[in-house]
Amino acid sequence: MHEKMNLLRELQEIDQELAQMTAVRTRHENELQNLSADKERIQTMVDELTAQLDVLQKEEAQLQQELLGEQDQIEKVEGRLPEIQTQKEYVAVLKEIDLAKKASIETQAKTAEKEKEIAELQADLDEKQTELKAISEKSEARQTEVAALLKENDEKVKARQATRDSLAKDLPKQLLRKYQQIFARRGGLAVTQAVDGACLGCNMQLPPQQYNQLHRGTELQSCPHCNRLLYMEQA
């Protein structure tokens, strides 16, 4: 019976190591996923800013074309002044010039405002592109590091799993199944020590008769409270 319990204790130690290795792999994978998500998030922002900038630049170009057209119109109307022969026509042309200049001033103001928006948006885009470059470099470097760590971790898992499989073959199938069920339900602690009449897995007192049977070590005992398999250190 002691031999079986020793096998179970060794098996549990390996299973706990395997669980830790699995947690390490998950942690590394989550880290890479977070880096990828951050990169994707910033890339989306860069794409959105680029699209917005393209729209603003097209609008600014349109305003520049309107401004050129208005200035050309002013020059054409002003060019008619020397040919005017009546006061009424002269006043009408001056009014037309005045309206054209007001329209040109408004277009200039709109163009200046659009240029300001473009400059601010370009600054935001430059900042995000710098951030994207930094996180891309960090992600690539970390991917290389994590790939090496995962390879090392997987090699350890493979070696320990082989040892585990070898140990498991020496245990009765029913006992192995019971151990695995308790291990899964009890947070990776299926085999625990009994000390001073108590189970160290749940810290509950054992019935005196059961504790005496543990001392004799003639059969496997389970804690009546948490169902963990019990053992006692031999003096």
Protein backbone atom coordinates (compact mmCIF):
# COMPACT_ATOMS: atom_id res chain seq x y z
CA MET A 1 0.00 0.00 0.00
CA HIS A 2 2.88 2.35 0.76
CA GLU A 3 4.20 1.71 -2.74
CA LYS A 4 0.92 2.79 -4.33
CA MET A 5 0.77 5.91 -2.19
CA ASN A 6 4.34 6.83 -3.10
CA LEU A 7 3.46 6.42 -6.76
CA LEU A 8 0.42 8.66 -6.29
CA ARG A 9 2.48 11.31 -4.52
CA GLU A 10 5.07 11.28 -7.29
CA LEU A 11 2.32 11.36 -9.90
CA GLN A 12 0.72 14.34 -8.20
CA GLU A 13 4.02 16.19 -8.11
CA ILE A 14 4.41 15.69 -11.86
CA ASP A 15 0.81 16.67 -12.54
CA GLN A 16 1.28 19.86 -10.56
CA GLU A 17 4.40 20.64 -12.59
CA LEU A 18 2.50 19.97 -15.81
CA ALA A 19 -0.30 22.27 -14.65
CA GLN A 20 2.24 25.01 -13.97
CA MET A 21 3.78 24.50 -17.41
CA THR A 22 0.35 24.73 -19.00
CA ALA A 23 -0.27 27.96 -17.10
CA VAL A 24 3.08 29.31 -18.33
CA ARG A 25 2.16 28.50 -21.93
CA THR A 26 -1.24 30.15 -21.50
CA ARG A 27 0.38 33.22 -19.96
CA HIS A 28 2.81 33.55 -22.87
CA GLU A 29 0.08 33.02 -25.44
CA ASN A 30 -2.10 35.64 -23.76
CA GLU A 31 0.81 38.06 -23.77
CA LEU A 32 1.25 37.63 -27.52
CA GLN A 33 -2.48 37.96 -28.08
CA ASN A 34 -2.54 41.20 -26.09
CA LEU A 35 0.39 42.58 -28.07
CA SER A 36 -1.33 41.59 -31.30
CA ALA A 37 -4.59 43.18 -30.13
CA ASP A 38 -2.79 46.41 -29.20
CA LYS A 39 -1.05 46.46 -32.56
CA GLU A 40 -4.34 45.85 -34.36
CA ARG A 41 -6.07 48.56 -32.31
CA ILE A 42 -3.42 51.15 -33.14
CA GLN A 43 -3.33 50.04 -36.79
CA THR A 44 -7.09 50.62 -36.94
CA MET A 45 -6.60 54.12 -35.53
CA VAL A 46 -3.85 54.80 -38.09
CA ASP A 47 -6.10 53.61 -40.91
CA GLU A 48 -9.00 55.76 -39.68
CA LEU A 49 -6.78 58.84 -39.32
CA THR A 50 -5.30 58.25 -42.76
CA ALA A 51 -8.78 58.03 -44.28
CA GLN A 52 -9.88 61.21 -42.48
CA LEU A 53 -6.73 62.99 -43.61
CA ASP A 54 -7.37 61.97 -47.20
CA VAL A 55 -10.89 63.44 -47.03
CA LEU A 56 -9.62 66.71 -45.53
CA GLN A 57 -6.87 67.04 -48.10
CA LYS A 58 -9.37 66.57 -50.91
CA GLU A 59 -11.66 69.17 -49.34
CA GLU A 60 -8.70 71.57 -48.96
CA ALA A 61 -7.71 71.01 -52.59
CA GLN A 62 -11.29 71.79 -53.64
CA LEU A 63 -11.23 75.00 -51.63
CA GLN A 64 -7.93 75.98 -53.27
CA GLN A 65 -9.53 75.46 -56.66
CA GLU A 66 -12.52 77.56 -55.61
CA LEU A 67 -10.17 80.27 -54.34
CA LEU A 68 -8.26 80.35 -57.65
CA GLY A 69 -11.53 80.58 -59.52
CA GLU A 70 -12.75 83.44 -57.34
CA GLN A 71 -9.49 85.36 -57.70
CA ASP A 72 -9.58 84.83 -61.45
CA GLN A 73 -13.14 86.13 -61.50
CA ILE A 74 -12.13 89.23 -59.53
CA GLU A 75 -9.33 89.95 -62.00
CA LYS A 76 -11.69 89.54 -64.94
CA VAL A 77 -14.32 91.87 -63.44
CA GLU A 78 -11.68 94.44 -62.46
CA GLY A 79 -10.39 94.28 -66.01
CA ARG A 80 -13.74 95.49 -67.25
CA LEU A 81 -13.56 98.75 -65.29
CA PRO A 82 -11.63 100.77 -67.90
CA GLU A 83 -14.25 99.86 -70.51
CA ILE A 84 -17.26 101.04 -68.48
CA GLN A 85 -18.96 104.12 -69.87
CA THR A 86 -21.92 104.71 -67.53
CA GLN A 87 -22.08 105.42 -63.83
CA LYS A 88 -24.77 102.81 -63.33
CA GLU A 89 -22.71 100.08 -64.93
CA TYR A 90 -19.64 101.22 -62.97
CA VAL A 91 -21.51 100.92 -59.67
CA ALA A 92 -22.83 97.50 -60.66
CA VAL A 93 -19.34 96.25 -61.49
CA LEU A 94 -17.92 97.61 -58.20
CA LYS A 95 -20.67 95.77 -56.34
CA GLU A 96 -19.84 92.58 -58.24
CA ILE A 97 -16.16 93.00 -57.34
CA ASP A 98 -17.05 93.60 -53.69
CA LEU A 99 -19.18 90.45 -53.53
CA ALA A 100 -16.47 88.42 -55.26
CA LYS A 101 -13.84 89.65 -52.78
CA LYS A 102 -16.09 88.82 -49.82
CA ALA A 103 -16.61 85.32 -51.24
CA SER A 104 -12.84 85.01 -51.72
CA ILE A 105 -12.20 86.09 -48.13
CA GLU A 106 -14.68 83.49 -46.86
CA THR A 107 -13.02 80.81 -48.98
CA GLN A 108 -9.60 81.85 -47.67
CA ALA A 109 -10.92 81.52 -44.10
CA LYS A 110 -12.36 78.09 -44.84
CA THR A 111 -9.08 77.06 -46.48
CA ALA A 112 -7.07 78.26 -43.46
CA GLU A 113 -9.39 76.37 -41.10
CA LYS A 114 -9.09 73.24 -43.23
CA GLU A 115 -5.30 73.54 -43.25
CA LYS A 116 -5.38 73.80 -39.45
CA GLU A 117 -7.51 70.64 -39.23
CA ILE A 118 -5.11 68.86 -41.56
CA ALA A 119 -2.09 69.90 -39.49
CA GLU A 120 -3.71 68.70 -36.25
CA LEU A 121 -4.81 65.44 -37.83
CA GLN A 122 -1.38 64.91 -39.35
CA ALA A 123 0.19 65.38 -35.92
CA ASP A 124 -2.16 62.75 -34.47
CA LEU A 125 -1.37 60.42 -37.36
CA ASP A 126 2.39 60.89 -36.91
CA GLU A 127 2.05 60.10 -33.21
CA LYS A 128 0.05 56.93 -33.86
CA GLN A 129 2.40 55.80 -36.60
CA THR A 130 5.33 56.21 -34.20
CA GLU A 131 3.40 54.24 -31.57
CA LEU A 132 2.54 51.56 -34.12
CA LYS A 133 6.18 51.22 -35.16
CA ALA A 134 7.27 50.87 -31.53
CA ILE A 135 4.69 48.23 -30.64
CA SER A 136 5.37 46.36 -33.90
CA GLU A 137 9.07 46.16 -33.06
CA LYS A 138 8.27 45.14 -29.49
CA SER A 139 5.80 42.51 -30.70
CA GLU A 140 8.26 41.01 -33.18
CA ALA A 141 11.06 40.89 -30.61
CA ARG A 142 8.80 39.39 -27.96
CA GLN A 143 7.41 36.82 -30.38
CA THR A 144 10.94 35.56 -30.98
CA GLU A 145 11.62 35.40 -27.24
CA VAL A 146 8.31 33.69 -26.44
CA ALA A 147 8.76 31.18 -29.25
CA ALA A 148 12.02 30.06 -27.63
CA LEU A 149 10.39 29.94 -24.19
CA LEU A 150 7.44 27.92 -25.50
CA LYS A 151 9.76 25.48 -27.23
CA GLU A 152 11.70 24.97 -24.00
CA ASN A 153 8.46 24.64 -22.04
CA ASP A 154 7.03 22.10 -24.50
CA GLU A 155 10.19 20.00 -24.31
CA LYS A 156 9.88 19.91 -20.51
CA VAL A 157 6.21 18.99 -20.80
CA LYS A 158 7.02 16.17 -23.20
CA ALA A 159 9.68 14.75 -20.86
CA ARG A 160 7.52 15.00 -17.75
CA GLN A 161 4.51 13.59 -19.56
CA ALA A 162 6.55 10.54 -20.54
CA THR A 163 7.54 10.04 -16.90
CA ARG A 164 3.92 10.49 -15.83
CA ASP A 165 2.67 7.92 -18.34
CA SER A 166 5.25 5.46 -17.07
CA LEU A 167 4.16 5.98 -13.46
CA ALA A 168 0.47 5.76 -14.29
CA LYS A 169 0.94 2.31 -15.84
CA ASP A 170 1.94 0.96 -12.43
CA LEU A 171 -1.27 2.08 -10.75
CA PRO A 172 -4.59 0.20 -10.81
CA LYS A 173 -6.90 1.83 -13.35
CA GLN A 174 -9.67 2.39 -10.83
CA LEU A 175 -7.31 4.08 -8.37
CA LEU A 176 -5.78 6.20 -11.15
CA ARG A 177 -9.25 7.29 -12.28
CA LYS A 178 -10.23 8.21 -8.72
CA TYR A 179 -7.02 10.19 -8.26
CA GLN A 180 -7.54 12.09 -11.52
CA GLN A 181 -11.13 12.98 -10.60
CA ILE A 182 -10.09 14.31 -7.18
CA PHE A 183 -7.11 16.18 -8.69
CA ALA A 184 -9.45 17.96 -11.12
CA ARG A 185 -12.08 18.76 -8.51
CA ARG A 186 -9.72 19.80 -5.71
CA GLY A 187 -7.52 22.31 -7.45
CA GLY A 188 -4.59 20.03 -8.18
CA LEU A 189 -4.34 18.45 -4.71
CA ALA A 190 -5.65 14.90 -4.66
CA VAL A 191 -3.12 13.38 -2.25
CA THR A 192 -2.45 15.05 1.07
CA GLN A 193 -0.84 14.35 4.40
CA ALA A 194 -2.62 13.64 7.64
CA VAL A 195 -0.98 15.18 10.71
CA ASP A 196 -2.12 15.19 14.34
CA GLY A 197 -5.43 13.60 13.42
CA ALA A 198 -6.31 16.17 10.74
CA CYS A 199 -6.35 16.24 6.94
CA LEU A 200 -4.01 18.99 5.72
CA GLY A 201 -6.04 19.31 2.54
CA CYS A 202 -9.12 20.69 4.26
CA ASN A 203 -7.82 21.07 7.86
CA MET A 204 -10.69 18.97 9.19
CA GLN A 205 -10.29 16.41 11.97
CA LEU A 206 -10.42 12.77 10.97
CA PRO A 207 -12.34 10.13 12.91
CA PRO A 208 -9.95 8.57 15.46
CA GLN A 209 -10.53 5.08 14.12
CA GLN A 210 -9.62 6.15 10.58
CA TYR A 211 -6.51 7.93 11.84
CA ASN A 212 -5.42 4.72 13.57
CA GLN A 213 -5.93 2.80 10.33
CA LEU A 214 -3.71 5.33 8.58
CA HIS A 215 -1.01 4.57 11.13
CA ARG A 216 -1.21 0.88 10.26
CA GLY A 217 -0.99 1.68 6.52
CA THR A 218 -2.83 -1.45 5.47
CA GLU A 219 -5.25 0.22 3.05
CA LEU A 220 -5.75 3.52 1.28
CA GLN A 221 -7.80 6.07 3.19
CA SER A 222 -9.79 9.05 1.92
CA CYS A 223 -10.70 12.12 3.92
CA PRO A 224 -14.43 11.93 4.74
CA HIS A 225 -14.68 15.71 4.35
CA CYS A 226 -12.82 16.52 1.12
CA ASN A 227 -12.37 12.99 -0.30
CA ARG A 228 -8.63 13.51 -0.80
CA LEU A 229 -6.38 10.46 -0.54
CA LEU A 230 -4.45 10.47 2.73
CA TYR A 231 -0.97 9.43 3.71
CA MET A 232 1.20 9.71 6.82
CA GLU A 233 4.94 10.27 6.89
CA GLN A 234 6.66 7.22 8.24
CA ALA A 235 8.69 7.77 11.40
